[in-house]
């Protein structure tokens, strides 16, 4: 009697598994090539030196963020190096012509109107020198910002990001010094706009340098608006270059209403004035 042979079908699992692996490899290669092509398209043409595409706002923000991360890394390094050696020196208060600021976030407001060049450029020269000295005295765990103004405010903004203070790293201090050295007096005066910019940055203290001519005084309404905007958060110190001292003017009131101090400096006696 003939025996019946049963043929068992070959299991398809082995063949399918290799097909699946092959498919995954193909997809991985395609993905790799797509990413590589995208990155090359974003890079500048090495031969011509011409960027392949216009830099977008997102890329600008990314560059600024990288700069901020670098600054923060410098801060962390300072903290690490200081470990076990007592309190950091940022407990020392920065000053401007003897007026001390509290905290770790400082905004300098420099009047660069034409009248700051009178007499003989002494006010602007003294202001620049003292501003540079004060910025250099900051530790890299402290932050600062510079607003200079005449009829319109302008800012020192190396990161390209609006409304953000920068850490007082060596690099930022050197950049600030170069920036300050090139400020020259010209134009009219508008204290109000510059102070608005400074207060909105929410610093711990604001140092203002101006000759504060009477014709440019803040109005009572502007003083009230600035006080409301500040909400008592920032000290506002004012250094005023003037040959005459007045017991009360808008800048004296500005300092009083915002926990700050006001100091007169006679531009004709600046050589004998200590810039402590």
Protein backbone atom coordinates (compact mmCIF):
# COMPACT_ATOMS: atom_id res chain seq x y z
CA UNK A 1 0.00 0.00 0.00
CA UNK A 2 1.50 3.27 -1.05
CA UNK A 3 2.20 5.72 1.73
CA UNK A 4 0.73 9.13 1.46
CA UNK A 5 3.33 11.89 1.87
CA UNK A 6 2.18 15.07 3.49
CA UNK A 7 4.00 18.19 2.30
CA UNK A 8 4.15 20.88 4.94
CA UNK A 9 4.19 24.46 3.48
CA UNK A 10 7.33 26.43 4.24
CA UNK A 11 6.85 29.01 6.94
CA UNK A 12 6.84 32.48 5.43
CA UNK A 13 8.13 34.15 8.59
CA UNK A 14 11.79 33.91 7.62
CA UNK A 15 11.33 35.54 4.21
CA UNK A 16 9.06 38.26 5.53
CA UNK A 17 11.47 39.22 8.29
CA UNK A 18 14.25 39.91 5.80
CA UNK A 19 11.90 41.92 3.62
CA UNK A 20 10.90 43.98 6.66
CA UNK A 21 14.52 44.62 7.62
CA UNK A 22 15.36 45.59 4.04
CA UNK A 23 12.46 48.06 4.03
CA UNK A 24 13.61 49.62 7.29
CA UNK A 25 17.14 50.04 5.95
CA UNK A 26 15.82 51.69 2.80
CA UNK A 27 13.71 54.10 4.83
CA UNK A 28 16.69 54.93 7.08
CA UNK A 29 18.89 55.66 4.05
CA UNK A 30 16.22 57.92 2.53
CA UNK A 31 15.83 59.80 5.78
CA UNK A 32 19.57 60.27 6.10
CA UNK A 33 19.86 61.62 2.55
CA UNK A 34 16.94 64.00 3.09
CA UNK A 35 18.45 65.44 6.28
CA UNK A 36 21.84 65.79 4.61
CA UNK A 37 20.33 67.61 1.63
CA UNK A 38 18.44 69.97 3.90
CA UNK A 39 21.53 70.86 5.92
CA UNK A 40 23.59 71.45 2.78
CA UNK A 41 20.92 73.73 1.39
CA UNK A 42 21.03 75.81 4.55
CA UNK A 43 24.83 76.13 4.48
CA UNK A 44 26.61 78.94 2.56
CA UNK A 45 28.17 78.15 -0.79
CA UNK A 46 31.79 77.50 0.23
CA UNK A 47 33.14 78.53 -3.16
CA UNK A 48 31.23 81.78 -3.60
CA UNK A 49 30.82 82.57 0.08
CA UNK A 50 27.21 83.51 -0.64
CA UNK A 51 24.50 82.21 1.70
CA UNK A 52 22.08 79.83 0.03
CA UNK A 53 19.10 81.41 1.77
CA UNK A 54 18.18 84.58 3.61
CA UNK A 55 18.62 84.37 7.37
CA UNK A 56 15.21 84.06 8.95
CA UNK A 57 14.03 85.68 12.21
CA UNK A 58 14.06 82.21 13.76
CA UNK A 59 17.74 81.78 12.88
CA UNK A 60 18.52 85.22 14.33
CA UNK A 61 16.76 84.25 17.55
CA UNK A 62 18.66 80.96 17.61
CA UNK A 63 21.98 82.80 17.28
CA UNK A 64 21.03 85.15 20.10
CA UNK A 65 19.95 82.20 22.23
CA UNK A 66 23.32 80.54 21.63
CA UNK A 67 25.02 83.76 22.78
CA UNK A 68 22.90 83.80 25.92
CA UNK A 69 23.74 80.17 26.62
CA UNK A 70 27.43 81.01 26.22
CA UNK A 71 27.06 83.86 28.70
CA UNK A 72 25.24 81.63 31.15
CA UNK A 73 28.01 79.05 30.81
CA UNK A 74 30.49 81.73 31.83
CA UNK A 75 28.33 82.49 34.87
CA UNK A 76 28.22 78.82 35.86
CA UNK A 77 31.99 78.64 35.46
CA UNK A 78 32.42 81.61 37.78
CA UNK A 79 30.12 80.01 40.33
CA UNK A 80 32.02 76.72 40.12
CA UNK A 81 35.40 78.42 40.49
CA UNK A 82 34.10 80.31 43.50
CA UNK A 83 32.85 77.16 45.27
CA UNK A 84 34.20 76.94 48.79
CA UNK A 85 35.69 80.44 48.74
CA UNK A 86 32.94 82.41 50.45
CA UNK A 87 30.36 84.79 48.95
CA UNK A 88 30.71 86.06 45.41
CA UNK A 89 31.91 89.62 44.96
CA UNK A 90 28.61 90.59 43.28
CA UNK A 91 27.52 91.49 46.81
CA UNK A 92 29.50 94.67 46.24
CA UNK A 93 27.28 97.39 44.85
CA UNK A 94 28.16 99.07 41.56
CA UNK A 95 28.28 102.84 41.67
CA UNK A 96 28.19 105.89 39.44
CA UNK A 97 29.80 109.07 40.77
CA UNK A 98 29.30 107.76 44.29
CA UNK A 99 25.65 106.72 43.89
CA UNK A 100 25.32 103.00 44.63
CA UNK A 101 22.85 100.59 43.04
CA UNK A 102 21.27 97.55 44.68
CA UNK A 103 20.66 94.18 43.04
CA UNK A 104 22.10 92.34 40.05
CA UNK A 105 20.34 93.98 37.07
CA UNK A 106 21.38 97.49 36.06
CA UNK A 107 20.43 99.87 33.26
CA UNK A 108 22.52 102.92 32.40
CA UNK A 109 20.73 105.83 30.74
CA UNK A 110 23.11 108.30 29.07
CA UNK A 111 22.03 111.68 27.68
CA UNK A 112 23.94 112.35 24.46
CA UNK A 113 22.12 115.52 23.40
CA UNK A 114 24.08 118.46 22.02
CA UNK A 115 24.12 120.30 25.36
CA UNK A 116 26.21 117.46 26.90
CA UNK A 117 29.10 118.86 24.86
CA UNK A 118 29.04 122.19 26.69
CA UNK A 119 31.43 123.35 28.03
CA UNK A 120 34.33 121.86 26.08
CA UNK A 121 32.79 118.38 25.93
CA UNK A 122 33.45 117.96 29.67
CA UNK A 123 30.05 116.52 30.63
CA UNK A 124 30.02 113.81 27.94
CA UNK A 125 33.67 112.93 28.50
CA UNK A 126 33.18 112.56 32.26
CA UNK A 127 29.97 110.58 31.72
CA UNK A 128 31.60 108.17 29.27
CA UNK A 129 34.62 107.57 31.51
CA UNK A 130 32.52 106.92 34.61
CA UNK A 131 30.07 104.73 32.72
CA UNK A 132 32.91 102.55 31.42
CA UNK A 133 34.39 102.31 34.92
CA UNK A 134 31.05 101.26 36.37
CA UNK A 135 30.40 98.60 33.70
CA UNK A 136 33.88 97.18 34.22
CA UNK A 137 33.24 96.90 37.96
CA UNK A 138 30.36 94.45 37.39
CA UNK A 139 30.83 90.72 37.90
CA UNK A 140 29.85 88.26 35.19
CA UNK A 141 26.92 87.07 37.32
CA UNK A 142 25.42 90.56 37.07
CA UNK A 143 23.51 91.93 34.09
CA UNK A 144 23.43 95.35 32.47
CA UNK A 145 22.02 97.37 29.59
CA UNK A 146 22.80 100.80 28.10
CA UNK A 147 20.26 103.28 26.75
CA UNK A 148 21.67 106.44 25.17
CA UNK A 149 19.40 109.17 23.94
CA UNK A 150 18.85 112.65 22.57
CA UNK A 151 15.41 113.31 21.10
CA UNK A 152 15.13 109.54 20.54
CA UNK A 153 16.46 106.61 22.59
CA UNK A 154 18.98 104.13 21.21
CA UNK A 155 20.34 100.99 22.87
CA UNK A 156 23.49 98.91 23.16
CA UNK A 157 22.24 95.51 22.05
CA UNK A 158 25.00 93.03 21.10
CA UNK A 159 22.67 90.01 21.19
CA UNK A 160 20.15 91.42 18.71
CA UNK A 161 17.27 90.45 21.01
CA UNK A 162 15.11 93.33 22.18
CA UNK A 163 14.24 93.81 25.82
CA UNK A 164 16.91 91.57 27.34
CA UNK A 165 19.77 92.56 29.62
CA UNK A 166 23.20 90.98 29.05
CA UNK A 167 25.65 89.41 31.46
CA UNK A 168 28.76 91.40 32.34
CA UNK A 169 31.19 88.92 30.81
CA UNK A 170 34.63 90.11 29.68
CA UNK A 171 33.48 90.02 26.06
CA UNK A 172 30.34 92.07 26.72
CA UNK A 173 32.25 94.58 28.85
CA UNK A 174 34.79 95.13 26.06
CA UNK A 175 32.00 95.55 23.51
CA UNK A 176 30.27 98.05 25.81
CA UNK A 177 33.47 100.06 26.25
CA UNK A 178 33.94 100.34 22.48
CA UNK A 179 30.30 101.33 22.10
CA UNK A 180 30.46 104.01 24.81
CA UNK A 181 33.69 105.49 23.41
CA UNK A 182 31.90 106.30 20.15
CA UNK A 183 28.93 108.12 21.69
CA UNK A 184 29.03 111.81 20.78
CA UNK A 185 26.70 114.69 21.73
CA UNK A 186 24.13 115.89 19.20
CA UNK A 187 20.43 116.64 18.84
CA UNK A 188 17.68 117.56 21.28
CA UNK A 189 16.57 115.93 24.54
CA UNK A 190 13.68 113.66 25.50
CA UNK A 191 14.16 112.12 28.94
CA UNK A 192 10.72 110.53 29.01
CA UNK A 193 11.13 108.12 26.09
CA UNK A 194 14.54 106.92 27.29
CA UNK A 195 13.30 106.33 30.83
CA UNK A 196 10.33 104.35 29.52
CA UNK A 197 12.72 102.02 27.70
CA UNK A 198 14.86 101.61 30.82
CA UNK A 199 11.97 100.93 33.21
CA UNK A 200 10.34 98.37 30.91
CA UNK A 201 13.52 96.27 31.14
CA UNK A 202 12.62 95.69 34.83
CA UNK A 203 16.09 96.26 36.32
CA UNK A 204 16.96 96.52 40.01
CA UNK A 205 18.51 99.95 39.51
CA UNK A 206 18.72 102.66 36.84
CA UNK A 207 21.61 105.13 36.61
CA UNK A 208 20.81 108.28 34.64
CA UNK A 209 23.48 110.71 33.39
CA UNK A 210 22.30 114.05 31.99
CA UNK A 211 22.86 117.80 32.06
CA UNK A 212 19.10 118.18 32.51
CA UNK A 213 18.49 121.64 31.10
CA UNK A 214 15.37 123.28 32.50
CA UNK A 215 13.73 123.55 29.09
CA UNK A 216 13.81 119.74 28.84
CA UNK A 217 12.34 119.03 32.29
CA UNK A 218 9.88 116.21 32.70
CA UNK A 219 6.30 117.36 33.14
CA UNK A 220 4.29 116.46 36.25
CA UNK A 221 2.21 114.10 34.10
CA UNK A 222 5.32 112.36 32.74
CA UNK A 223 6.73 111.97 36.26
CA UNK A 224 3.49 110.37 37.42
CA UNK A 225 3.40 108.00 34.45
CA UNK A 226 7.01 106.92 34.99
CA UNK A 227 6.39 106.31 38.68
CA UNK A 228 3.34 104.20 37.85
CA UNK A 229 5.24 102.26 35.19
CA UNK A 230 8.11 101.56 37.58
CA UNK A 231 5.83 100.36 40.39
CA UNK A 232 8.61 101.00 42.89
CA UNK A 233 10.66 98.11 41.50
CA UNK A 234 13.79 99.94 40.33
CA UNK A 235 15.86 102.53 42.12
CA UNK A 236 16.40 105.50 39.81
CA UNK A 237 19.59 107.45 40.51
CA UNK A 238 20.28 110.70 38.65
CA UNK A 239 23.64 112.40 38.08
CA UNK A 240 23.07 115.89 36.71
CA UNK A 241 25.83 118.06 35.20
CA UNK A 242 24.98 121.67 35.99
CA UNK A 243 26.72 124.85 37.08
CA UNK A 244 23.69 125.72 39.20
CA UNK A 245 22.07 123.54 41.84
CA UNK A 246 18.31 123.61 42.31
CA UNK A 247 16.73 122.17 45.42
CA UNK A 248 13.84 120.85 43.39
CA UNK A 249 13.39 120.09 39.71
CA UNK A 250 11.86 117.23 37.78
CA UNK A 251 15.01 115.09 37.95
CA UNK A 252 15.32 115.57 41.71
CA UNK A 253 11.67 114.52 42.02
CA UNK A 254 12.26 111.55 39.69
CA UNK A 255 14.91 110.16 42.04
CA UNK A 256 12.87 110.87 45.20
CA UNK A 257 9.73 109.19 43.88
CA UNK A 258 11.65 106.07 42.82
CA UNK A 259 13.80 105.25 45.86
CA UNK A 260 16.87 106.84 44.30
CA UNK A 261 19.30 109.69 44.87
CA UNK A 262 20.16 112.79 42.87
CA UNK A 263 23.60 114.36 42.61
CA UNK A 264 24.75 117.59 40.98
CA UNK A 265 28.17 117.82 39.33
CA UNK A 266 29.59 121.14 38.18
CA UNK A 267 31.13 120.52 34.72
CA UNK A 268 33.69 123.29 35.38
CA UNK A 269 34.98 121.38 38.42
CA UNK A 270 34.95 117.87 37.05
CA UNK A 271 38.73 117.57 37.26
CA UNK A 272 38.43 117.86 41.05
CA UNK A 273 35.46 115.49 41.31
CA UNK A 274 36.02 112.00 42.56
CA UNK A 275 34.34 109.35 40.43
CA UNK A 276 33.88 106.80 43.14
